[in-house]
Amino acid sequence: MLKLNDTWNWYYDDENASLMLEISDDIVFCSNLARKVLVEAAFKPQKFSVEDADIYHLFQDSVKGLPLSIPRQAELVLKAVAVKRFHKPVQPKSWFFDTQSQGYHPMEGEVVELQNQYNTGYFMVVETSDTASIVVSVNSDDFYLTGSKSLSFCQPIKVMHDRMRSANALFCQSHIQMVS
């Protein structure tokens, strides 16, 4: 995983039409978040903040058990931080998913399962509210919303909580030591 540094900077790059994170002189991370989904603050250069670092560590802990390479985990964490900090408020698009639970309320960083008639997939909760959360896909393959519309790796969507089921137990790394 990447080592956080107080010299990292967020900025919007018109040429790439994306929010970027300058990690070093040689490394720039492209969030692939389109202009239309970003809040106004995303268009002003800013430092990677202490709050960003806290969120980064929370999400980093959440992805350790996922069957992803270290570079893919880093990509997922950085995209999740970008979504949490810069994504505009949106309405849920729950009609793409089957109802799975009642009274469920996920925590940020939690991995949840969503399903529909096309597939079952896993998503990390990035931002919660009372009834819905923004999640990002942790699936290596596309998650189909319809026969022709899909979500790619790290792509965000807001979904009502009753469509989610906790999947943390599937990906937790337990370090249990037997003693006699």
N, C-alpha and C. Protein backbone atom coordinates (compact mmCIF):
# COMPACT_ATOMS: atom_id res chain seq x y z
N MET A 1 0.84 -1.19 0.00
CA MET A 1 0.00 0.00 0.00
C MET A 1 0.88 1.25 0.00
N LEU A 2 0.28 2.33 -0.39
CA LEU A 2 0.97 3.61 -0.42
C LEU A 2 1.22 4.14 0.98
N LYS A 3 2.28 4.87 1.14
CA LYS A 3 2.57 5.56 2.40
C LYS A 3 2.06 6.99 2.26
N LEU A 4 1.15 7.37 3.17
CA LEU A 4 0.59 8.72 3.09
C LEU A 4 1.66 9.76 3.31
N ASN A 5 1.43 10.93 2.69
CA ASN A 5 2.40 12.00 2.77
C ASN A 5 1.64 13.33 2.76
N ASP A 6 2.12 14.30 3.50
CA ASP A 6 1.43 15.59 3.57
C ASP A 6 1.69 16.47 2.35
N THR A 7 2.39 15.95 1.36
CA THR A 7 2.63 16.72 0.13
C THR A 7 1.66 16.33 -0.98
N TRP A 8 0.78 15.37 -0.74
CA TRP A 8 -0.19 14.98 -1.76
C TRP A 8 -1.18 16.12 -2.01
N ASN A 9 -1.61 16.28 -3.26
CA ASN A 9 -2.52 17.37 -3.63
C ASN A 9 -3.62 16.89 -4.57
N TRP A 10 -4.85 17.32 -4.27
CA TRP A 10 -5.99 17.09 -5.15
C TRP A 10 -6.08 18.24 -6.14
N TYR A 11 -6.45 17.95 -7.39
CA TYR A 11 -6.73 19.00 -8.36
C TYR A 11 -7.57 18.41 -9.49
N TYR A 12 -8.30 19.28 -10.17
CA TYR A 12 -9.09 18.83 -11.32
C TYR A 12 -8.28 19.10 -12.57
N ASP A 13 -8.16 18.10 -13.43
CA ASP A 13 -7.40 18.21 -14.67
C ASP A 13 -8.38 18.24 -15.85
N ASP A 14 -8.48 19.41 -16.48
CA ASP A 14 -9.40 19.56 -17.62
C ASP A 14 -8.99 18.69 -18.80
N GLU A 15 -7.70 18.52 -19.01
CA GLU A 15 -7.22 17.72 -20.14
C GLU A 15 -7.68 16.26 -20.01
N ASN A 16 -7.62 15.72 -18.81
CA ASN A 16 -8.07 14.34 -18.57
C ASN A 16 -9.52 14.28 -18.13
N ALA A 17 -10.14 15.44 -17.93
CA ALA A 17 -11.54 15.53 -17.48
C ALA A 17 -11.78 14.66 -16.25
N SER A 18 -10.90 14.82 -15.26
CA SER A 18 -11.02 13.99 -14.06
C SER A 18 -10.35 14.68 -12.86
N LEU A 19 -10.84 14.32 -11.69
CA LEU A 19 -10.19 14.71 -10.44
C LEU A 19 -8.93 13.88 -10.29
N MET A 20 -7.82 14.52 -9.94
CA MET A 20 -6.53 13.85 -9.83
C MET A 20 -5.96 14.04 -8.43
N LEU A 21 -5.08 13.13 -8.06
CA LEU A 21 -4.35 13.25 -6.79
C LEU A 21 -2.87 13.12 -7.14
N GLU A 22 -2.14 14.22 -6.94
CA GLU A 22 -0.70 14.19 -7.16
C GLU A 22 -0.05 13.59 -5.92
N ILE A 23 0.56 12.43 -6.10
CA ILE A 23 1.19 11.71 -4.99
C ILE A 23 2.67 12.06 -4.90
N SER A 24 3.32 12.22 -6.04
CA SER A 24 4.71 12.66 -6.10
C SER A 24 4.93 13.30 -7.46
N ASP A 25 6.16 13.74 -7.72
CA ASP A 25 6.46 14.32 -9.03
C ASP A 25 6.26 13.31 -10.15
N ASP A 26 6.40 12.02 -9.82
CA ASP A 26 6.32 10.97 -10.82
C ASP A 26 4.99 10.22 -10.83
N ILE A 27 4.18 10.39 -9.80
CA ILE A 27 2.96 9.59 -9.67
C ILE A 27 1.75 10.50 -9.50
N VAL A 28 0.78 10.35 -10.41
CA VAL A 28 -0.49 11.07 -10.32
C VAL A 28 -1.60 10.03 -10.45
N PHE A 29 -2.51 10.06 -9.50
CA PHE A 29 -3.63 9.13 -9.48
C PHE A 29 -4.85 9.79 -10.12
N CYS A 30 -5.47 9.11 -11.07
CA CYS A 30 -6.67 9.61 -11.76
C CYS A 30 -7.89 8.94 -11.14
N SER A 31 -8.80 9.72 -10.60
CA SER A 31 -9.98 9.17 -9.92
C SER A 31 -11.06 8.70 -10.89
N ASN A 32 -11.02 9.19 -12.12
CA ASN A 32 -12.06 8.89 -13.12
C ASN A 32 -13.45 9.36 -12.68
N LEU A 33 -13.52 10.35 -11.82
CA LEU A 33 -14.80 10.95 -11.46
C LEU A 33 -15.08 12.11 -12.41
N ALA A 34 -16.17 12.03 -13.10
CA ALA A 34 -16.54 13.03 -14.10
C ALA A 34 -16.92 14.35 -13.45
N ARG A 35 -16.74 15.41 -14.19
CA ARG A 35 -17.06 16.77 -13.72
C ARG A 35 -18.48 16.87 -13.16
N LYS A 36 -19.44 16.23 -13.82
CA LYS A 36 -20.85 16.38 -13.44
C LYS A 36 -21.18 15.79 -12.07
N VAL A 37 -20.34 14.90 -11.53
CA VAL A 37 -20.64 14.30 -10.23
C VAL A 37 -19.85 14.93 -9.09
N LEU A 38 -19.06 15.96 -9.39
CA LEU A 38 -18.19 16.56 -8.38
C LEU A 38 -18.77 17.84 -7.78
N VAL A 39 -18.52 18.04 -6.48
CA VAL A 39 -18.89 19.28 -5.81
C VAL A 39 -17.93 20.39 -6.26
N GLU A 40 -18.30 21.63 -6.04
CA GLU A 40 -17.49 22.77 -6.47
C GLU A 40 -16.07 22.74 -5.89
N ALA A 41 -15.91 22.28 -4.67
CA ALA A 41 -14.59 22.26 -4.03
C ALA A 41 -13.58 21.43 -4.81
N ALA A 42 -14.03 20.50 -5.62
CA ALA A 42 -13.13 19.64 -6.39
C ALA A 42 -12.37 20.40 -7.47
N PHE A 43 -12.82 21.59 -7.81
CA PHE A 43 -12.21 22.34 -8.90
C PHE A 43 -11.17 23.35 -8.40
N LYS A 44 -10.90 23.31 -7.10
CA LYS A 44 -9.86 24.15 -6.51
C LYS A 44 -8.78 23.24 -5.96
N PRO A 45 -7.51 23.49 -6.29
CA PRO A 45 -6.44 22.64 -5.75
C PRO A 45 -6.45 22.65 -4.22
N GLN A 46 -6.24 21.47 -3.62
CA GLN A 46 -6.23 21.36 -2.17
C GLN A 46 -5.33 20.23 -1.73
N LYS A 47 -4.86 20.36 -0.52
CA LYS A 47 -4.00 19.34 0.08
C LYS A 47 -4.82 18.10 0.45
N PHE A 48 -4.16 16.96 0.46
CA PHE A 48 -4.71 15.74 1.02
C PHE A 48 -4.73 15.97 2.52
N SER A 49 -5.92 16.09 3.10
CA SER A 49 -6.08 16.55 4.48
C SER A 49 -5.93 15.44 5.52
N VAL A 50 -5.92 15.84 6.77
CA VAL A 50 -5.91 14.89 7.88
C VAL A 50 -7.18 14.04 7.84
N GLU A 51 -8.32 14.66 7.49
CA GLU A 51 -9.57 13.91 7.37
C GLU A 51 -9.48 12.88 6.24
N ASP A 52 -8.84 13.27 5.13
CA ASP A 52 -8.62 12.32 4.03
C ASP A 52 -7.79 11.13 4.51
N ALA A 53 -6.77 11.42 5.30
CA ALA A 53 -5.90 10.36 5.82
C ALA A 53 -6.66 9.42 6.75
N ASP A 54 -7.54 9.97 7.58
CA ASP A 54 -8.37 9.13 8.47
C ASP A 54 -9.27 8.21 7.64
N ILE A 55 -9.90 8.78 6.64
CA ILE A 55 -10.78 7.99 5.76
C ILE A 55 -9.97 6.94 5.01
N TYR A 56 -8.80 7.33 4.54
CA TYR A 56 -7.91 6.41 3.83
C TYR A 56 -7.61 5.19 4.70
N HIS A 57 -7.25 5.41 5.96
CA HIS A 57 -6.93 4.29 6.87
C HIS A 57 -8.14 3.42 7.15
N LEU A 58 -9.31 4.02 7.31
CA LEU A 58 -10.53 3.25 7.53
C LEU A 58 -10.80 2.33 6.34
N PHE A 59 -10.74 2.90 5.14
CA PHE A 59 -11.00 2.12 3.93
C PHE A 59 -9.89 1.09 3.68
N GLN A 60 -8.66 1.46 3.99
CA GLN A 60 -7.54 0.53 3.81
C GLN A 60 -7.74 -0.72 4.67
N ASP A 61 -8.18 -0.53 5.91
CA ASP A 61 -8.45 -1.67 6.79
C ASP A 61 -9.58 -2.54 6.24
N SER A 62 -10.55 -1.91 5.60
CA SER A 62 -11.71 -2.62 5.07
C SER A 62 -11.39 -3.51 3.87
N VAL A 63 -10.40 -3.13 3.08
CA VAL A 63 -10.13 -3.86 1.84
C VAL A 63 -9.08 -4.97 1.99
N LYS A 64 -8.45 -5.06 3.14
CA LYS A 64 -7.36 -6.03 3.33
C LYS A 64 -7.77 -7.46 3.05
N GLY A 65 -9.00 -7.82 3.37
CA GLY A 65 -9.45 -9.19 3.16
C GLY A 65 -10.03 -9.47 1.79
N LEU A 66 -10.15 -8.45 0.95
CA LEU A 66 -10.72 -8.65 -0.38
C LEU A 66 -9.72 -9.36 -1.29
N PRO A 67 -10.22 -10.19 -2.20
CA PRO A 67 -9.33 -10.92 -3.11
C PRO A 67 -8.83 -10.02 -4.25
N LEU A 68 -8.09 -8.98 -3.87
CA LEU A 68 -7.55 -8.02 -4.82
C LEU A 68 -6.05 -7.88 -4.58
N SER A 69 -5.31 -7.60 -5.63
CA SER A 69 -3.87 -7.34 -5.49
C SER A 69 -3.68 -6.05 -4.69
N ILE A 70 -2.48 -5.86 -4.16
CA ILE A 70 -2.16 -4.64 -3.40
C ILE A 70 -2.39 -3.38 -4.24
N PRO A 71 -1.94 -3.34 -5.51
CA PRO A 71 -2.22 -2.14 -6.32
C PRO A 71 -3.72 -1.89 -6.53
N ARG A 72 -4.51 -2.96 -6.70
CA ARG A 72 -5.97 -2.78 -6.87
C ARG A 72 -6.60 -2.29 -5.56
N GLN A 73 -6.10 -2.78 -4.43
CA GLN A 73 -6.59 -2.31 -3.14
C GLN A 73 -6.30 -0.82 -2.98
N ALA A 74 -5.10 -0.39 -3.35
CA ALA A 74 -4.73 1.03 -3.26
C ALA A 74 -5.62 1.87 -4.16
N GLU A 75 -5.89 1.38 -5.37
CA GLU A 75 -6.78 2.09 -6.30
C GLU A 75 -8.18 2.22 -5.70
N LEU A 76 -8.70 1.14 -5.14
CA LEU A 76 -10.02 1.15 -4.53
C LEU A 76 -10.08 2.15 -3.38
N VAL A 77 -9.08 2.14 -2.53
CA VAL A 77 -9.06 3.04 -1.36
C VAL A 77 -9.01 4.49 -1.82
N LEU A 78 -8.13 4.82 -2.75
CA LEU A 78 -8.02 6.21 -3.21
C LEU A 78 -9.29 6.68 -3.91
N LYS A 79 -9.90 5.81 -4.71
CA LYS A 79 -11.16 6.20 -5.37
C LYS A 79 -12.28 6.38 -4.35
N ALA A 80 -12.30 5.53 -3.32
CA ALA A 80 -13.31 5.66 -2.27
C ALA A 80 -13.13 6.97 -1.51
N VAL A 81 -11.90 7.35 -1.22
CA VAL A 81 -11.63 8.63 -0.54
C VAL A 81 -12.10 9.78 -1.42
N ALA A 82 -11.81 9.72 -2.71
CA ALA A 82 -12.24 10.78 -3.64
C ALA A 82 -13.76 10.88 -3.68
N VAL A 83 -14.45 9.74 -3.73
CA VAL A 83 -15.92 9.75 -3.74
C VAL A 83 -16.45 10.34 -2.44
N LYS A 84 -15.91 9.90 -1.32
CA LYS A 84 -16.36 10.40 -0.01
C LYS A 84 -16.20 11.91 0.09
N ARG A 85 -15.09 12.41 -0.38
CA ARG A 85 -14.80 13.84 -0.21
C ARG A 85 -15.43 14.73 -1.28
N PHE A 86 -15.53 14.26 -2.52
CA PHE A 86 -15.88 15.17 -3.61
C PHE A 86 -17.14 14.83 -4.40
N HIS A 87 -17.79 13.71 -4.12
CA HIS A 87 -18.98 13.34 -4.89
C HIS A 87 -20.17 14.19 -4.46
N LYS A 88 -20.93 14.67 -5.44
CA LYS A 88 -22.15 15.43 -5.16
C LYS A 88 -23.18 14.54 -4.47
N PRO A 89 -24.04 15.16 -3.66
CA PRO A 89 -25.18 14.38 -3.14
C PRO A 89 -26.06 13.94 -4.31
N VAL A 90 -26.50 12.69 -4.27
CA VAL A 90 -27.33 12.13 -5.34
C VAL A 90 -28.49 11.35 -4.73
N GLN A 91 -29.47 11.08 -5.56
CA GLN A 91 -30.61 10.26 -5.14
C GLN A 91 -30.25 8.79 -5.29
N PRO A 92 -30.81 7.94 -4.44
CA PRO A 92 -30.57 6.50 -4.57
C PRO A 92 -31.11 5.95 -5.89
N LYS A 93 -30.46 4.93 -6.39
CA LYS A 93 -30.89 4.22 -7.60
C LYS A 93 -31.17 2.76 -7.24
N SER A 94 -31.98 2.60 -6.23
CA SER A 94 -32.23 1.28 -5.64
C SER A 94 -33.02 0.35 -6.55
N TRP A 95 -33.71 0.87 -7.53
CA TRP A 95 -34.55 0.03 -8.40
C TRP A 95 -33.72 -1.01 -9.16
N PHE A 96 -32.40 -0.83 -9.22
CA PHE A 96 -31.54 -1.81 -9.89
C PHE A 96 -31.28 -3.06 -9.04
N PHE A 97 -31.68 -3.01 -7.75
CA PHE A 97 -31.30 -4.07 -6.82
C PHE A 97 -32.51 -4.68 -6.13
N ASP A 98 -32.37 -5.94 -5.73
CA ASP A 98 -33.43 -6.65 -5.00
C ASP A 98 -33.40 -6.26 -3.52
N THR A 99 -34.59 -6.24 -2.89
CA THR A 99 -34.68 -6.03 -1.44
C THR A 99 -34.12 -7.26 -0.74
N GLN A 100 -33.29 -7.03 0.29
CA GLN A 100 -32.65 -8.14 1.00
C GLN A 100 -32.80 -8.07 2.51
N SER A 101 -33.13 -6.91 3.07
CA SER A 101 -33.13 -6.79 4.52
C SER A 101 -34.10 -5.71 4.98
N GLN A 102 -34.35 -5.69 6.27
CA GLN A 102 -35.16 -4.65 6.90
C GLN A 102 -34.40 -4.13 8.12
N GLY A 103 -34.36 -2.83 8.29
CA GLY A 103 -33.73 -2.24 9.47
C GLY A 103 -32.22 -2.32 9.48
N TYR A 104 -31.61 -2.63 8.35
CA TYR A 104 -30.15 -2.73 8.28
C TYR A 104 -29.56 -1.34 8.07
N HIS A 105 -28.47 -1.04 8.79
CA HIS A 105 -27.77 0.23 8.62
C HIS A 105 -26.27 -0.04 8.62
N PRO A 106 -25.63 0.01 7.44
CA PRO A 106 -24.20 -0.30 7.35
C PRO A 106 -23.33 0.83 7.90
N MET A 107 -22.09 0.49 8.17
CA MET A 107 -21.11 1.48 8.62
C MET A 107 -20.17 1.79 7.46
N GLU A 108 -19.57 2.98 7.47
CA GLU A 108 -18.61 3.34 6.44
C GLU A 108 -17.44 2.36 6.47
N GLY A 109 -17.04 1.93 5.31
CA GLY A 109 -15.95 0.96 5.19
C GLY A 109 -16.43 -0.48 5.15
N GLU A 110 -17.67 -0.72 5.53
CA GLU A 110 -18.21 -2.08 5.53
C GLU A 110 -18.40 -2.58 4.10
N VAL A 111 -18.19 -3.88 3.91
CA VAL A 111 -18.45 -4.51 2.62
C VAL A 111 -19.85 -5.11 2.67
N VAL A 112 -20.66 -4.79 1.66
CA VAL A 112 -22.04 -5.27 1.59
C VAL A 112 -22.26 -6.01 0.28
N GLU A 113 -23.30 -6.84 0.30
CA GLU A 113 -23.69 -7.58 -0.88
C GLU A 113 -24.94 -6.94 -1.47
N LEU A 114 -24.95 -6.79 -2.79
CA LEU A 114 -26.12 -6.33 -3.53
C LEU A 114 -26.40 -7.36 -4.61
N GLN A 115 -27.67 -7.55 -4.92
CA GLN A 115 -27.99 -8.50 -5.97
C GLN A 115 -29.18 -8.03 -6.78
N ASN A 116 -29.27 -8.59 -7.97
CA ASN A 116 -30.41 -8.37 -8.85
C ASN A 116 -30.56 -9.60 -9.73
N GLN A 117 -31.42 -9.53 -10.72
CA GLN A 117 -31.67 -10.71 -11.56
C GLN A 117 -30.46 -11.10 -12.41
N TYR A 118 -29.48 -10.21 -12.55
CA TYR A 118 -28.33 -10.48 -13.41
C TYR A 118 -27.12 -11.04 -12.65
N ASN A 119 -26.94 -10.63 -11.40
CA ASN A 119 -25.76 -11.03 -10.65
C ASN A 119 -25.84 -10.66 -9.18
N THR A 120 -24.87 -11.15 -8.42
CA THR A 120 -24.65 -10.78 -7.03
C THR A 120 -23.26 -10.18 -6.97
N GLY A 121 -23.11 -9.06 -6.26
CA GLY A 121 -21.80 -8.43 -6.19
C GLY A 121 -21.55 -7.81 -4.83
N TYR A 122 -20.32 -7.35 -4.66
CA TYR A 122 -19.89 -6.79 -3.38
C TYR A 122 -19.46 -5.34 -3.57
N PHE A 123 -19.77 -4.54 -2.55
CA PHE A 123 -19.55 -3.10 -2.60
C PHE A 123 -19.07 -2.62 -1.24
N MET A 124 -18.22 -1.60 -1.24
CA MET A 124 -17.77 -1.00 0.01
C MET A 124 -18.58 0.28 0.25
N VAL A 125 -19.07 0.42 1.48
CA VAL A 125 -19.84 1.59 1.85
C VAL A 125 -18.87 2.75 2.06
N VAL A 126 -19.14 3.85 1.35
CA VAL A 126 -18.25 5.00 1.37
C VAL A 126 -18.84 6.13 2.21
N GLU A 127 -20.15 6.30 2.13
CA GLU A 127 -20.80 7.38 2.87
C GLU A 127 -22.22 6.94 3.22
N THR A 128 -22.59 7.09 4.48
CA THR A 128 -23.92 6.66 4.91
C THR A 128 -24.80 7.85 5.27
N SER A 129 -26.10 7.61 5.15
CA SER A 129 -27.11 8.55 5.66
C SER A 129 -28.15 7.69 6.37
N ASP A 130 -29.27 8.25 6.74
CA ASP A 130 -30.27 7.51 7.51
C ASP A 130 -30.85 6.31 6.76
N THR A 131 -31.10 6.46 5.47
CA THR A 131 -31.79 5.39 4.74
C THR A 131 -31.03 4.83 3.54
N ALA A 132 -29.95 5.49 3.13
CA ALA A 132 -29.21 5.05 1.94
C ALA A 132 -27.73 5.35 2.10
N SER A 133 -26.92 4.70 1.29
CA SER A 133 -25.47 4.91 1.33
C SER A 133 -24.90 4.93 -0.07
N ILE A 134 -23.81 5.69 -0.23
CA ILE A 134 -23.03 5.61 -1.46
C ILE A 134 -22.06 4.46 -1.28
N VAL A 135 -22.03 3.58 -2.27
CA VAL A 135 -21.14 2.42 -2.25
C VAL A 135 -20.31 2.43 -3.53
N VAL A 136 -19.15 1.77 -3.48
CA VAL A 136 -18.33 1.59 -4.68
C VAL A 136 -18.15 0.10 -4.91
N SER A 137 -18.16 -0.28 -6.16
CA SER A 137 -18.02 -1.69 -6.52
C SER A 137 -16.61 -2.19 -6.21
N VAL A 138 -16.53 -3.35 -5.56
CA VAL A 138 -15.24 -3.99 -5.31
C VAL A 138 -15.09 -5.22 -6.19
N ASN A 139 -15.98 -5.38 -7.15
CA ASN A 139 -15.98 -6.52 -8.06
C ASN A 139 -14.97 -6.30 -9.19
N SER A 140 -14.15 -7.31 -9.44
CA SER A 140 -13.19 -7.21 -10.54
C SER A 140 -13.90 -7.19 -11.89
N ASP A 141 -14.99 -7.95 -12.00
CA ASP A 141 -15.80 -7.96 -13.22
C ASP A 141 -16.91 -6.92 -13.09
N ASP A 142 -17.45 -6.50 -14.23
CA ASP A 142 -18.56 -5.55 -14.21
C ASP A 142 -19.75 -6.15 -13.47
N PHE A 143 -20.48 -5.28 -12.76
CA PHE A 143 -21.72 -5.67 -12.10
C PHE A 143 -22.85 -5.13 -12.98
N TYR A 144 -23.69 -6.02 -13.50
CA TYR A 144 -24.75 -5.60 -14.41
C TYR A 144 -25.97 -5.10 -13.65
N LEU A 145 -26.37 -3.86 -13.98
CA LEU A 145 -27.58 -3.26 -13.42
C LEU A 145 -28.78 -3.65 -14.29
N THR A 146 -28.56 -3.67 -15.60
CA THR A 146 -29.55 -4.11 -16.59
C THR A 146 -28.78 -4.97 -17.59
N GLY A 147 -29.47 -5.42 -18.61
CA GLY A 147 -28.79 -6.21 -19.63
C GLY A 147 -27.71 -5.45 -20.37
N SER A 148 -27.79 -4.11 -20.36
CA SER A 148 -26.82 -3.31 -21.11
C SER A 148 -26.09 -2.26 -20.27
N LYS A 149 -26.46 -2.10 -19.01
CA LYS A 149 -25.84 -1.08 -18.16
C LYS A 149 -25.13 -1.78 -17.00
N SER A 150 -23.87 -1.37 -16.75
CA SER A 150 -23.11 -2.03 -15.69
C SER A 150 -22.27 -1.03 -14.90
N LEU A 151 -21.82 -1.48 -13.74
CA LEU A 151 -20.89 -0.72 -12.90
C LEU A 151 -19.54 -1.41 -12.98
N SER A 152 -18.50 -0.63 -13.21
CA SER A 152 -17.15 -1.19 -13.25
C SER A 152 -16.50 -1.07 -11.87
N PHE A 153 -15.34 -1.66 -11.73
CA PHE A 153 -14.58 -1.62 -10.48
C PHE A 153 -14.46 -0.19 -9.98
N CYS A 154 -14.78 0.03 -8.73
CA CYS A 154 -14.70 1.32 -8.02
C CYS A 154 -15.79 2.32 -8.39
N GLN A 155 -16.68 1.99 -9.28
CA GLN A 155 -17.72 2.95 -9.69
C GLN A 155 -18.75 3.09 -8.58
N PRO A 156 -19.12 4.34 -8.24
CA PRO A 156 -20.06 4.56 -7.14
C PRO A 156 -21.52 4.54 -7.57
N ILE A 157 -22.38 4.23 -6.61
CA ILE A 157 -23.83 4.30 -6.78
C ILE A 157 -24.44 4.44 -5.39
N LYS A 158 -25.54 5.17 -5.29
CA LYS A 158 -26.23 5.31 -4.00
C LYS A 158 -27.40 4.34 -3.96
N VAL A 159 -27.52 3.61 -2.85
CA VAL A 159 -28.50 2.55 -2.73
C VAL A 159 -29.17 2.60 -1.35
N MET A 160 -30.47 2.31 -1.31
CA MET A 160 -31.20 2.23 -0.04
C MET A 160 -30.68 1.04 0.77
N HIS A 161 -30.69 1.18 2.08
CA HIS A 161 -30.15 0.15 2.97
C HIS A 161 -30.90 -1.17 2.89
N ASP A 162 -32.19 -1.14 2.56
CA ASP A 162 -32.94 -2.40 2.52
C ASP A 162 -32.53 -3.29 1.34
N ARG A 163 -31.69 -2.78 0.46
CA ARG A 163 -31.18 -3.57 -0.67
C ARG A 163 -29.86 -4.27 -0.32
N MET A 164 -29.30 -3.93 0.85
CA MET A 164 -27.97 -4.41 1.23
C MET A 164 -28.05 -5.54 2.25
N ARG A 165 -27.01 -6.37 2.19
CA ARG A 165 -26.80 -7.41 3.20
C ARG A 165 -25.31 -7.37 3.55
N SER A 166 -24.98 -7.43 4.83
CA SER A 166 -23.59 -7.39 5.26
C SER A 166 -22.82 -8.56 4.66
N ALA A 167 -21.62 -8.26 4.16
CA ALA A 167 -20.75 -9.30 3.59
C ALA A 167 -19.37 -9.27 4.24
N ASN A 168 -19.22 -8.48 5.31
CA ASN A 168 -17.92 -8.37 5.97
C ASN A 168 -17.38 -9.73 6.39
N ALA A 169 -18.23 -10.61 6.88
CA ALA A 169 -17.77 -11.92 7.37
C ALA A 169 -17.10 -12.73 6.27
N LEU A 170 -17.48 -12.51 5.02
CA LEU A 170 -16.88 -13.24 3.91
C LEU A 170 -15.44 -12.83 3.64
N PHE A 171 -15.08 -11.60 4.04
CA PHE A 171 -13.78 -11.06 3.68
C PHE A 171 -12.89 -10.71 4.87
N CYS A 172 -13.37 -10.96 6.09
CA CYS A 172 -12.57 -10.64 7.27
C CYS A 172 -11.36 -11.56 7.34
N GLN A 173 -10.24 -11.00 7.69
CA GLN A 173 -9.04 -11.79 7.94
C GLN A 173 -8.94 -11.93 9.45
N SER A 174 -9.16 -13.13 9.94
CA SER A 174 -9.04 -13.30 11.38
C SER A 174 -7.68 -13.86 11.71
N HIS A 175 -7.11 -13.29 12.74
CA HIS A 175 -5.82 -13.72 13.23
C HIS A 175 -6.00 -14.33 14.60
N ILE A 176 -6.46 -15.56 14.60
CA ILE A 176 -6.72 -16.26 15.85
C ILE A 176 -5.55 -17.21 16.08
N GLN A 177 -5.01 -17.16 17.28
CA GLN A 177 -3.91 -18.04 17.62
C GLN A 177 -4.37 -19.02 18.67
N MET A 178 -4.09 -20.28 18.42
CA MET A 178 -4.43 -21.32 19.37
C MET A 178 -3.35 -21.41 20.45
N VAL A 179 -3.79 -21.47 21.70
CA VAL A 179 -2.85 -21.62 22.81
C VAL A 179 -3.28 -22.83 23.64
N SER A 180 -2.33 -23.43 24.28
CA SER A 180 -2.67 -24.59 25.12
C SER A 180 -2.24 -24.38 26.54
